[in-house]
């Protein structure tokens, strides 16, 4: 299976874990906190095969960058958190960097 598939799965579980952690309200709602921990465990479980096949710097940069963008969007829409215009610019820069790393990763391995 493609290491990019594993990386996408890790991003999914990490973002879901972050969403559930917010719902746990500082672990006051234990069921959401437990679900968050389970998602983080699943995240690392599927992140490991991606790191086995791809450079660690590329994997980590994409994993964290896309996670930041997704968590920001979830905060914006699900929790009605507000971001300023300059914050959107910097989040877009993170996304551009993550996409650029993915696009150039295969060329760098040649």
N, C-alpha and C. Protein backbone atom coordinates (compact mmCIF):
# COMPACT_ATOMS: atom_id res chain seq x y z
N UNK A 1 0.84 -1.18 0.00
CA UNK A 1 0.00 0.00 0.00
C UNK A 1 0.89 1.25 0.00
N UNK A 2 0.42 2.30 -0.60
CA UNK A 2 1.19 3.54 -0.74
C UNK A 2 1.45 4.21 0.61
N UNK A 3 2.68 4.67 0.83
CA UNK A 3 2.96 5.38 2.09
C UNK A 3 2.14 6.66 2.21
N UNK A 4 1.75 7.24 1.07
CA UNK A 4 0.92 8.45 1.11
C UNK A 4 -0.47 8.14 1.66
N UNK A 5 -0.96 6.92 1.41
CA UNK A 5 -2.25 6.49 1.97
C UNK A 5 -2.15 6.43 3.49
N UNK A 6 -1.04 5.86 3.99
CA UNK A 6 -0.85 5.79 5.44
C UNK A 6 -0.72 7.20 6.04
N UNK A 7 -0.03 8.08 5.34
CA UNK A 7 0.10 9.44 5.83
C UNK A 7 -1.26 10.14 5.88
N UNK A 8 -2.08 9.94 4.87
CA UNK A 8 -3.42 10.53 4.87
C UNK A 8 -4.25 9.98 6.03
N UNK A 9 -4.13 8.69 6.30
CA UNK A 9 -4.85 8.09 7.43
C UNK A 9 -4.38 8.67 8.75
N UNK A 10 -3.07 8.87 8.89
CA UNK A 10 -2.53 9.44 10.12
C UNK A 10 -3.04 10.86 10.31
N UNK A 11 -3.10 11.62 9.24
CA UNK A 11 -3.63 12.99 9.33
C UNK A 11 -5.08 12.96 9.76
N UNK A 12 -5.86 12.05 9.18
CA UNK A 12 -7.28 11.93 9.54
C UNK A 12 -7.43 11.65 11.03
N UNK A 13 -6.72 10.65 11.54
CA UNK A 13 -6.85 10.29 12.95
C UNK A 13 -6.33 11.39 13.88
N UNK A 14 -5.28 12.08 13.47
CA UNK A 14 -4.75 13.16 14.30
C UNK A 14 -5.74 14.31 14.39
N UNK A 15 -6.34 14.67 13.28
CA UNK A 15 -7.31 15.77 13.28
C UNK A 15 -8.56 15.36 14.05
N UNK A 16 -9.02 14.13 13.85
CA UNK A 16 -10.18 13.65 14.60
C UNK A 16 -9.88 13.63 16.09
N UNK A 17 -8.68 13.19 16.46
CA UNK A 17 -8.29 13.19 17.87
C UNK A 17 -8.28 14.59 18.46
N UNK A 18 -7.82 15.56 17.69
CA UNK A 18 -7.81 16.94 18.16
C UNK A 18 -9.24 17.47 18.34
N UNK A 19 -10.11 17.16 17.39
CA UNK A 19 -11.52 17.55 17.48
C UNK A 19 -12.16 16.95 18.74
N UNK A 20 -11.90 15.67 18.97
CA UNK A 20 -12.47 14.99 20.14
C UNK A 20 -11.87 15.53 21.44
N UNK A 21 -10.60 15.91 21.40
CA UNK A 21 -9.97 16.49 22.59
C UNK A 21 -10.65 17.81 22.96
N UNK A 22 -11.00 18.60 21.96
CA UNK A 22 -11.73 19.84 22.22
C UNK A 22 -13.09 19.53 22.84
N UNK A 23 -13.76 18.50 22.31
CA UNK A 23 -15.06 18.11 22.85
C UNK A 23 -14.97 17.60 24.29
N UNK A 24 -13.79 17.07 24.66
CA UNK A 24 -13.64 16.52 26.02
C UNK A 24 -13.66 17.61 27.09
N UNK A 25 -13.51 18.86 26.67
CA UNK A 25 -13.54 19.99 27.61
C UNK A 25 -12.53 19.79 28.73
N UNK A 26 -11.26 19.59 28.33
CA UNK A 26 -10.20 19.41 29.31
C UNK A 26 -10.31 18.09 30.05
N UNK A 27 -10.81 17.07 29.39
CA UNK A 27 -11.03 15.72 29.92
C UNK A 27 -12.12 15.68 30.99
N UNK A 28 -12.95 16.72 31.06
CA UNK A 28 -14.08 16.68 31.97
C UNK A 28 -15.15 15.73 31.45
N UNK A 29 -15.18 15.55 30.13
CA UNK A 29 -16.08 14.58 29.50
C UNK A 29 -15.21 13.41 29.07
N UNK A 30 -15.09 12.45 29.97
CA UNK A 30 -14.10 11.37 29.82
C UNK A 30 -14.30 10.55 28.55
N UNK A 31 -15.51 10.34 28.11
CA UNK A 31 -15.72 9.52 26.91
C UNK A 31 -15.11 10.17 25.67
N UNK A 32 -15.20 11.51 25.57
CA UNK A 32 -14.56 12.19 24.44
C UNK A 32 -13.04 12.15 24.59
N UNK A 33 -12.56 12.27 25.82
CA UNK A 33 -11.12 12.19 26.06
C UNK A 33 -10.57 10.82 25.71
N UNK A 34 -11.29 9.77 26.08
CA UNK A 34 -10.85 8.41 25.75
C UNK A 34 -10.86 8.19 24.24
N UNK A 35 -11.88 8.70 23.58
CA UNK A 35 -11.94 8.58 22.12
C UNK A 35 -10.79 9.33 21.46
N UNK A 36 -10.43 10.48 22.04
CA UNK A 36 -9.31 11.25 21.52
C UNK A 36 -8.01 10.46 21.64
N UNK A 37 -7.78 9.87 22.79
CA UNK A 37 -6.57 9.06 22.99
C UNK A 37 -6.52 7.90 22.01
N UNK A 38 -7.66 7.27 21.78
CA UNK A 38 -7.72 6.16 20.82
C UNK A 38 -7.37 6.63 19.41
N UNK A 39 -7.84 7.82 19.04
CA UNK A 39 -7.53 8.36 17.71
C UNK A 39 -6.05 8.69 17.58
N UNK A 40 -5.46 9.25 18.64
CA UNK A 40 -4.03 9.53 18.59
C UNK A 40 -3.21 8.24 18.49
N UNK A 41 -3.64 7.20 19.19
CA UNK A 41 -2.95 5.91 19.09
C UNK A 41 -3.06 5.37 17.66
N UNK A 42 -4.24 5.45 17.09
CA UNK A 42 -4.44 5.01 15.70
C UNK A 42 -3.59 5.84 14.74
N UNK A 43 -3.49 7.13 15.02
CA UNK A 43 -2.68 8.03 14.19
C UNK A 43 -1.24 7.54 14.12
N UNK A 44 -0.65 7.26 15.26
CA UNK A 44 0.75 6.83 15.27
C UNK A 44 0.90 5.43 14.68
N UNK A 45 -0.12 4.61 14.84
CA UNK A 45 -0.08 3.26 14.27
C UNK A 45 0.01 3.32 12.74
N UNK A 46 -0.73 4.23 12.12
CA UNK A 46 -0.68 4.32 10.65
C UNK A 46 0.39 5.30 10.16
N UNK A 47 0.92 6.12 11.05
CA UNK A 47 2.01 7.01 10.65
C UNK A 47 3.32 6.24 10.50
N UNK A 48 3.51 5.22 11.29
CA UNK A 48 4.77 4.46 11.27
C UNK A 48 5.11 3.89 9.89
N UNK A 49 4.17 3.25 9.17
CA UNK A 49 4.53 2.75 7.83
C UNK A 49 4.89 3.85 6.85
N UNK A 50 4.28 5.02 7.00
CA UNK A 50 4.63 6.14 6.11
C UNK A 50 6.06 6.58 6.37
N UNK A 51 6.46 6.61 7.64
CA UNK A 51 7.83 7.02 7.98
C UNK A 51 8.85 5.96 7.58
N UNK A 52 8.40 4.75 7.45
CA UNK A 52 9.29 3.69 7.01
C UNK A 52 9.69 3.87 5.55
N UNK A 53 8.79 4.44 4.76
CA UNK A 53 9.00 4.53 3.31
C UNK A 53 9.38 5.93 2.82
N UNK A 54 9.06 6.96 3.59
CA UNK A 54 9.30 8.34 3.16
C UNK A 54 10.25 9.03 4.13
N UNK A 55 10.92 10.08 3.69
CA UNK A 55 11.81 10.83 4.60
C UNK A 55 11.03 11.42 5.78
N UNK A 56 11.59 11.29 6.97
CA UNK A 56 10.91 11.73 8.18
C UNK A 56 10.57 13.22 8.14
N UNK A 57 11.44 14.04 7.60
CA UNK A 57 11.16 15.47 7.53
C UNK A 57 9.97 15.79 6.65
N UNK A 58 9.87 15.09 5.54
CA UNK A 58 8.73 15.28 4.62
C UNK A 58 7.44 14.83 5.29
N UNK A 59 7.47 13.63 5.89
CA UNK A 59 6.27 13.09 6.54
C UNK A 59 5.81 14.01 7.65
N UNK A 60 6.73 14.42 8.50
CA UNK A 60 6.34 15.25 9.64
C UNK A 60 5.83 16.61 9.20
N UNK A 61 6.48 17.20 8.22
CA UNK A 61 6.04 18.52 7.75
C UNK A 61 4.64 18.47 7.15
N UNK A 62 4.37 17.45 6.35
CA UNK A 62 3.05 17.33 5.74
C UNK A 62 2.01 16.98 6.80
N UNK A 63 2.34 16.03 7.67
CA UNK A 63 1.43 15.60 8.72
C UNK A 63 1.04 16.78 9.61
N UNK A 64 2.02 17.53 10.07
CA UNK A 64 1.71 18.65 10.95
C UNK A 64 1.07 19.81 10.20
N UNK A 65 1.54 20.09 8.99
CA UNK A 65 1.00 21.22 8.22
C UNK A 65 -0.45 21.03 7.84
N UNK A 66 -0.77 19.88 7.29
CA UNK A 66 -2.16 19.61 6.92
C UNK A 66 -3.02 19.52 8.17
N UNK A 67 -2.46 18.96 9.24
CA UNK A 67 -3.20 18.91 10.51
C UNK A 67 -3.53 20.29 11.04
N UNK A 68 -2.60 21.22 10.93
CA UNK A 68 -2.84 22.60 11.38
C UNK A 68 -3.96 23.23 10.57
N UNK A 69 -3.91 23.06 9.26
CA UNK A 69 -4.94 23.64 8.40
C UNK A 69 -6.31 23.03 8.72
N UNK A 70 -6.37 21.70 8.82
CA UNK A 70 -7.64 21.04 9.10
C UNK A 70 -8.18 21.42 10.48
N UNK A 71 -7.32 21.46 11.48
CA UNK A 71 -7.77 21.83 12.82
C UNK A 71 -8.27 23.28 12.85
N UNK A 72 -7.61 24.15 12.10
CA UNK A 72 -8.06 25.54 12.02
C UNK A 72 -9.44 25.64 11.39
N UNK A 73 -9.66 24.88 10.34
CA UNK A 73 -10.97 24.89 9.68
C UNK A 73 -12.06 24.31 10.58
N UNK A 74 -11.73 23.25 11.30
CA UNK A 74 -12.70 22.67 12.24
C UNK A 74 -13.02 23.69 13.33
N UNK A 75 -12.01 24.34 13.87
CA UNK A 75 -12.25 25.37 14.88
C UNK A 75 -13.13 26.48 14.35
N UNK A 76 -12.90 26.84 13.11
CA UNK A 76 -13.67 27.91 12.48
C UNK A 76 -15.14 27.55 12.32
N UNK A 77 -15.40 26.34 11.81
CA UNK A 77 -16.77 25.95 11.49
C UNK A 77 -17.49 25.23 12.62
N UNK A 78 -16.82 24.33 13.33
CA UNK A 78 -17.50 23.55 14.36
C UNK A 78 -17.58 24.28 15.69
N UNK A 79 -16.58 25.08 15.99
CA UNK A 79 -16.53 25.74 17.29
C UNK A 79 -16.66 27.25 17.20
N UNK A 80 -16.91 27.76 16.00
CA UNK A 80 -17.12 29.19 15.75
C UNK A 80 -15.97 30.06 16.28
N UNK A 81 -14.75 29.52 16.18
CA UNK A 81 -13.57 30.31 16.53
C UNK A 81 -13.27 31.26 15.38
N UNK A 82 -12.76 32.41 15.70
CA UNK A 82 -12.50 33.43 14.68
C UNK A 82 -11.00 33.55 14.41
N UNK A 83 -10.71 33.78 13.14
CA UNK A 83 -9.33 34.03 12.71
C UNK A 83 -9.30 35.35 11.95
N UNK A 84 -8.20 36.07 12.09
CA UNK A 84 -8.04 37.31 11.34
C UNK A 84 -7.51 37.03 9.94
N UNK A 85 -7.57 38.04 9.10
CA UNK A 85 -7.14 37.89 7.71
C UNK A 85 -5.69 37.44 7.60
N UNK A 86 -4.82 38.01 8.42
CA UNK A 86 -3.40 37.65 8.36
C UNK A 86 -3.20 36.20 8.81
N UNK A 87 -4.02 35.73 9.74
CA UNK A 87 -3.93 34.34 10.17
C UNK A 87 -4.31 33.40 9.03
N UNK A 88 -5.30 33.76 8.24
CA UNK A 88 -5.65 32.96 7.06
C UNK A 88 -4.50 32.92 6.07
N UNK A 89 -3.80 34.04 5.91
CA UNK A 89 -2.66 34.08 5.00
C UNK A 89 -1.58 33.11 5.46
N UNK A 90 -1.28 33.11 6.75
CA UNK A 90 -0.24 32.21 7.26
C UNK A 90 -0.67 30.75 7.20
N UNK A 91 -1.94 30.47 7.45
CA UNK A 91 -2.43 29.10 7.32
C UNK A 91 -2.34 28.65 5.86
N UNK A 92 -2.65 29.53 4.93
CA UNK A 92 -2.51 29.20 3.51
C UNK A 92 -1.05 28.92 3.16
N UNK A 93 -0.14 29.66 3.76
CA UNK A 93 1.28 29.42 3.50
C UNK A 93 1.70 28.03 4.01
N UNK A 94 1.16 27.62 5.15
CA UNK A 94 1.45 26.29 5.67
C UNK A 94 0.94 25.23 4.70
N UNK A 95 -0.27 25.41 4.21
CA UNK A 95 -0.84 24.45 3.26
C UNK A 95 -0.04 24.41 1.96
N UNK A 96 0.35 25.55 1.47
CA UNK A 96 1.17 25.61 0.25
C UNK A 96 2.48 24.86 0.47
N UNK A 97 3.10 25.05 1.63
CA UNK A 97 4.34 24.36 1.94
C UNK A 97 4.16 22.85 2.01
N UNK A 98 3.07 22.39 2.63
CA UNK A 98 2.81 20.96 2.74
C UNK A 98 2.58 20.34 1.37
N UNK A 99 1.80 21.01 0.54
CA UNK A 99 1.55 20.50 -0.81
C UNK A 99 2.85 20.52 -1.62
N UNK A 100 3.61 21.58 -1.51
CA UNK A 100 4.88 21.66 -2.22
C UNK A 100 5.83 20.55 -1.82
N UNK A 101 5.86 20.20 -0.54
CA UNK A 101 6.71 19.09 -0.10
C UNK A 101 6.26 17.77 -0.69
N UNK A 102 4.96 17.55 -0.74
CA UNK A 102 4.47 16.30 -1.32
C UNK A 102 4.80 16.22 -2.80
N UNK A 103 4.59 17.31 -3.52
CA UNK A 103 4.83 17.33 -4.96
C UNK A 103 6.31 17.09 -5.26
N UNK A 104 7.18 17.64 -4.45
CA UNK A 104 8.60 17.53 -4.74
C UNK A 104 9.27 16.33 -4.07
N UNK A 105 8.56 15.61 -3.20
CA UNK A 105 9.17 14.50 -2.46
C UNK A 105 9.63 13.39 -3.39
N UNK A 106 8.83 13.03 -4.38
CA UNK A 106 9.22 11.95 -5.27
C UNK A 106 10.40 12.36 -6.14
N UNK A 107 10.49 13.62 -6.50
CA UNK A 107 11.62 14.09 -7.31
C UNK A 107 12.92 14.07 -6.50
N UNK A 108 12.84 14.32 -5.22
CA UNK A 108 14.02 14.35 -4.38
C UNK A 108 14.58 12.95 -4.11
N UNK A 109 13.74 11.92 -4.24
CA UNK A 109 14.16 10.56 -3.96
C UNK A 109 14.83 9.90 -5.15
N UNK A 110 14.84 10.56 -6.29
CA UNK A 110 15.43 9.96 -7.49
C UNK A 110 16.92 9.92 -7.41
